[in-house]
Amino acid sequence: MIGYVVKGDISTIVNNIKEKVQSNVFNANSVKFGQLSDDSIDLLFEKVSYFDYSFKSKHKRVIIIPNAIINNIEDILIYHVFCDLT
């Protein structure tokens, strides 16, 4: 995931986004998905190589198909990279 920061303090913006990622949970048909995986908290403080403003997150993935919910599938790993264009 790439973000371009064109206005404001990039450190503050990245920290605010980290906080939102930590608290975000999506709901569809009474099924929660997208929340951080149990082992993801440490990734929020791990930078992506060569990018000063970056972090990683791992999220629970859920597949909803007619008459079934599959939630024991592999988590999705997202690399959040921010470019400072201020």
N, C-alpha and C. Protein backbone atom coordinates (compact mmCIF):
# COMPACT_ATOMS: atom_id res chain seq x y z
N MET A 1 0.85 -1.15 0.00
CA MET A 1 0.00 0.00 0.00
C MET A 1 0.91 1.22 0.00
N ILE A 2 0.69 2.10 -0.92
CA ILE A 2 1.54 3.29 -1.03
C ILE A 2 0.71 4.54 -0.73
N GLY A 3 1.26 5.40 0.11
CA GLY A 3 0.61 6.66 0.43
C GLY A 3 1.54 7.82 0.10
N TYR A 4 0.99 8.86 -0.51
CA TYR A 4 1.75 10.05 -0.84
C TYR A 4 1.30 11.17 0.09
N VAL A 5 2.19 11.67 0.92
CA VAL A 5 1.87 12.74 1.85
C VAL A 5 2.29 14.05 1.20
N VAL A 6 1.30 14.91 0.93
CA VAL A 6 1.57 16.17 0.24
C VAL A 6 1.43 17.38 1.15
N LYS A 7 0.89 17.17 2.37
CA LYS A 7 0.70 18.27 3.29
C LYS A 7 0.71 17.72 4.71
N GLY A 8 1.37 18.42 5.62
CA GLY A 8 1.38 18.02 7.03
C GLY A 8 2.69 17.34 7.42
N ASP A 9 2.75 16.94 8.68
CA ASP A 9 3.94 16.28 9.21
C ASP A 9 3.82 14.78 8.98
N ILE A 10 4.70 14.23 8.17
CA ILE A 10 4.59 12.83 7.77
C ILE A 10 4.69 11.88 8.95
N SER A 11 5.51 12.17 9.94
CA SER A 11 5.62 11.30 11.12
C SER A 11 4.30 11.20 11.87
N THR A 12 3.65 12.34 12.06
CA THR A 12 2.35 12.37 12.73
C THR A 12 1.31 11.62 11.92
N ILE A 13 1.32 11.82 10.63
CA ILE A 13 0.35 11.16 9.75
C ILE A 13 0.52 9.65 9.79
N VAL A 14 1.75 9.17 9.69
CA VAL A 14 2.02 7.73 9.72
C VAL A 14 1.60 7.14 11.07
N ASN A 15 1.90 7.82 12.16
CA ASN A 15 1.50 7.33 13.49
C ASN A 15 -0.02 7.28 13.64
N ASN A 16 -0.71 8.28 13.10
CA ASN A 16 -2.18 8.28 13.15
C ASN A 16 -2.76 7.12 12.35
N ILE A 17 -2.17 6.83 11.23
CA ILE A 17 -2.65 5.72 10.40
C ILE A 17 -2.38 4.39 11.11
N LYS A 18 -1.24 4.25 11.76
CA LYS A 18 -0.95 3.03 12.54
C LYS A 18 -2.03 2.81 13.60
N GLU A 19 -2.41 3.88 14.30
CA GLU A 19 -3.44 3.77 15.33
C GLU A 19 -4.78 3.33 14.73
N LYS A 20 -5.11 3.87 13.57
CA LYS A 20 -6.36 3.48 12.91
C LYS A 20 -6.32 2.01 12.49
N VAL A 21 -5.19 1.57 11.97
CA VAL A 21 -5.04 0.17 11.56
C VAL A 21 -5.23 -0.75 12.75
N GLN A 22 -4.69 -0.37 13.91
CA GLN A 22 -4.80 -1.18 15.11
C GLN A 22 -6.24 -1.35 15.57
N SER A 23 -7.07 -0.35 15.38
CA SER A 23 -8.42 -0.39 15.91
C SER A 23 -9.48 -0.73 14.87
N ASN A 24 -9.10 -0.96 13.64
CA ASN A 24 -10.06 -1.15 12.56
C ASN A 24 -10.57 -2.58 12.49
N VAL A 25 -11.88 -2.73 12.49
CA VAL A 25 -12.53 -4.02 12.29
C VAL A 25 -13.71 -3.80 11.35
N PHE A 26 -13.81 -4.61 10.32
CA PHE A 26 -14.92 -4.51 9.37
C PHE A 26 -15.97 -5.54 9.72
N ASN A 27 -17.21 -5.23 9.43
CA ASN A 27 -18.32 -6.15 9.68
C ASN A 27 -19.15 -6.29 8.41
N ALA A 28 -19.48 -7.53 8.10
CA ALA A 28 -20.38 -7.82 6.98
C ALA A 28 -21.17 -9.06 7.35
N ASN A 29 -22.46 -8.95 7.30
CA ASN A 29 -23.32 -10.09 7.64
C ASN A 29 -22.95 -10.67 9.01
N SER A 30 -22.69 -9.80 9.97
CA SER A 30 -22.32 -10.20 11.35
C SER A 30 -20.99 -10.93 11.44
N VAL A 31 -20.19 -10.84 10.41
CA VAL A 31 -18.86 -11.48 10.42
C VAL A 31 -17.82 -10.38 10.51
N LYS A 32 -16.93 -10.49 11.50
CA LYS A 32 -15.83 -9.53 11.65
C LYS A 32 -14.64 -10.01 10.82
N PHE A 33 -13.99 -9.07 10.15
CA PHE A 33 -12.79 -9.41 9.39
C PHE A 33 -11.91 -8.19 9.26
N GLY A 34 -10.67 -8.41 8.87
CA GLY A 34 -9.74 -7.31 8.64
C GLY A 34 -8.97 -6.87 9.87
N GLN A 35 -9.35 -7.34 11.07
CA GLN A 35 -8.62 -6.92 12.27
C GLN A 35 -7.23 -7.52 12.25
N LEU A 36 -6.36 -6.92 13.05
CA LEU A 36 -4.98 -7.39 13.11
C LEU A 36 -4.92 -8.83 13.63
N SER A 37 -4.01 -9.58 13.08
CA SER A 37 -3.74 -10.92 13.57
C SER A 37 -3.02 -10.81 14.91
N ASP A 38 -3.09 -11.86 15.69
CA ASP A 38 -2.50 -11.85 17.03
C ASP A 38 -1.01 -11.52 17.01
N ASP A 39 -0.30 -11.95 15.98
CA ASP A 39 1.15 -11.72 15.93
C ASP A 39 1.53 -10.49 15.11
N SER A 40 0.58 -9.61 14.86
CA SER A 40 0.82 -8.45 14.00
C SER A 40 1.32 -7.22 14.73
N ILE A 41 1.12 -7.12 16.03
CA ILE A 41 1.47 -5.90 16.76
C ILE A 41 2.94 -5.54 16.58
N ASP A 42 3.83 -6.51 16.64
CA ASP A 42 5.26 -6.23 16.45
C ASP A 42 5.56 -5.71 15.05
N LEU A 43 4.79 -6.14 14.05
CA LEU A 43 5.03 -5.69 12.68
C LEU A 43 4.79 -4.20 12.52
N LEU A 44 3.92 -3.62 13.35
CA LEU A 44 3.62 -2.19 13.23
C LEU A 44 4.85 -1.33 13.49
N PHE A 45 5.85 -1.90 14.14
CA PHE A 45 7.07 -1.16 14.46
C PHE A 45 8.24 -1.61 13.60
N GLU A 46 7.96 -2.43 12.61
CA GLU A 46 9.00 -2.94 11.70
C GLU A 46 8.90 -2.18 10.38
N LYS A 47 9.97 -1.48 10.03
CA LYS A 47 9.96 -0.69 8.80
C LYS A 47 10.20 -1.57 7.58
N VAL A 48 9.72 -1.09 6.44
CA VAL A 48 10.00 -1.73 5.16
C VAL A 48 11.37 -1.25 4.72
N SER A 49 12.19 -2.15 4.21
CA SER A 49 13.55 -1.80 3.80
C SER A 49 13.57 -0.57 2.90
N TYR A 50 14.50 0.33 3.18
CA TYR A 50 14.78 1.54 2.39
C TYR A 50 13.70 2.63 2.50
N PHE A 51 12.70 2.45 3.37
CA PHE A 51 11.66 3.46 3.53
C PHE A 51 11.58 3.88 4.99
N ASP A 52 11.91 5.16 5.25
CA ASP A 52 11.88 5.67 6.62
C ASP A 52 10.47 5.71 7.19
N TYR A 53 9.51 6.02 6.35
CA TYR A 53 8.12 6.14 6.79
C TYR A 53 7.34 4.95 6.27
N SER A 54 7.32 3.90 7.07
CA SER A 54 6.66 2.67 6.64
C SER A 54 6.39 1.78 7.84
N PHE A 55 5.54 0.80 7.65
CA PHE A 55 5.30 -0.24 8.64
C PHE A 55 4.59 -1.40 7.94
N LYS A 56 4.45 -2.49 8.66
CA LYS A 56 3.78 -3.67 8.13
C LYS A 56 2.61 -4.01 9.04
N SER A 57 1.63 -4.70 8.49
CA SER A 57 0.53 -5.20 9.30
C SER A 57 0.02 -6.51 8.70
N LYS A 58 -0.45 -7.38 9.57
CA LYS A 58 -1.00 -8.66 9.13
C LYS A 58 -2.45 -8.73 9.61
N HIS A 59 -3.36 -9.07 8.70
CA HIS A 59 -4.79 -9.02 8.99
C HIS A 59 -5.45 -10.37 8.76
N LYS A 60 -6.48 -10.61 9.58
CA LYS A 60 -7.26 -11.83 9.42
C LYS A 60 -8.08 -11.73 8.13
N ARG A 61 -8.12 -12.83 7.41
CA ARG A 61 -8.85 -12.88 6.15
C ARG A 61 -10.04 -13.83 6.32
N VAL A 62 -11.17 -13.44 5.79
CA VAL A 62 -12.38 -14.26 5.86
C VAL A 62 -13.00 -14.31 4.47
N ILE A 63 -13.43 -15.49 4.08
CA ILE A 63 -14.14 -15.65 2.81
C ILE A 63 -15.59 -16.01 3.14
N ILE A 64 -16.50 -15.24 2.57
CA ILE A 64 -17.92 -15.50 2.78
C ILE A 64 -18.51 -16.00 1.46
N ILE A 65 -19.01 -17.21 1.47
CA ILE A 65 -19.67 -17.78 0.30
C ILE A 65 -21.07 -18.22 0.74
N PRO A 66 -21.98 -18.44 -0.19
CA PRO A 66 -23.33 -18.84 0.21
C PRO A 66 -23.30 -20.05 1.15
N ASN A 67 -23.95 -19.90 2.28
CA ASN A 67 -24.10 -20.96 3.28
C ASN A 67 -22.81 -21.36 3.98
N ALA A 68 -21.75 -20.55 3.89
CA ALA A 68 -20.50 -20.92 4.57
C ALA A 68 -19.63 -19.70 4.80
N ILE A 69 -18.88 -19.75 5.88
CA ILE A 69 -17.87 -18.73 6.19
C ILE A 69 -16.57 -19.48 6.44
N ILE A 70 -15.56 -19.12 5.69
CA ILE A 70 -14.25 -19.77 5.85
C ILE A 70 -13.31 -18.75 6.47
N ASN A 71 -12.83 -19.01 7.68
CA ASN A 71 -11.99 -18.04 8.36
C ASN A 71 -10.67 -18.62 8.85
N ASN A 72 -10.34 -19.80 8.47
CA ASN A 72 -9.07 -20.39 8.90
C ASN A 72 -8.06 -20.41 7.76
N ILE A 73 -8.06 -19.35 6.98
CA ILE A 73 -7.11 -19.25 5.87
C ILE A 73 -5.97 -18.32 6.26
N GLU A 74 -4.96 -18.33 5.44
CA GLU A 74 -3.75 -17.57 5.74
C GLU A 74 -4.04 -16.07 5.84
N ASP A 75 -3.40 -15.43 6.81
CA ASP A 75 -3.55 -13.98 6.98
C ASP A 75 -2.91 -13.24 5.80
N ILE A 76 -3.33 -11.98 5.63
CA ILE A 76 -2.77 -11.16 4.56
C ILE A 76 -1.77 -10.17 5.17
N LEU A 77 -0.58 -10.07 4.59
CA LEU A 77 0.47 -9.17 5.05
C LEU A 77 0.49 -7.94 4.15
N ILE A 78 0.39 -6.77 4.77
CA ILE A 78 0.37 -5.51 4.01
C ILE A 78 1.60 -4.69 4.38
N TYR A 79 2.29 -4.20 3.37
CA TYR A 79 3.41 -3.29 3.54
C TYR A 79 2.88 -1.88 3.28
N HIS A 80 2.93 -1.02 4.30
CA HIS A 80 2.46 0.36 4.19
C HIS A 80 3.69 1.24 3.98
N VAL A 81 3.77 1.89 2.83
CA VAL A 81 4.92 2.72 2.48
C VAL A 81 4.42 4.13 2.17
N PHE A 82 5.06 5.13 2.77
CA PHE A 82 4.63 6.51 2.61
C PHE A 82 5.77 7.33 1.99
N CYS A 83 5.42 8.11 0.99
CA CYS A 83 6.38 8.97 0.31
C CYS A 83 6.13 10.41 0.74
N ASP A 84 7.18 11.10 1.16
CA ASP A 84 7.07 12.48 1.63
C ASP A 84 7.19 13.43 0.46
N LEU A 85 6.07 14.04 0.06
CA LEU A 85 6.07 14.99 -1.05
C LEU A 85 5.75 16.40 -0.56
N THR A 86 5.98 16.65 0.73
CA THR A 86 5.68 17.98 1.28
C THR A 86 6.77 18.96 0.89
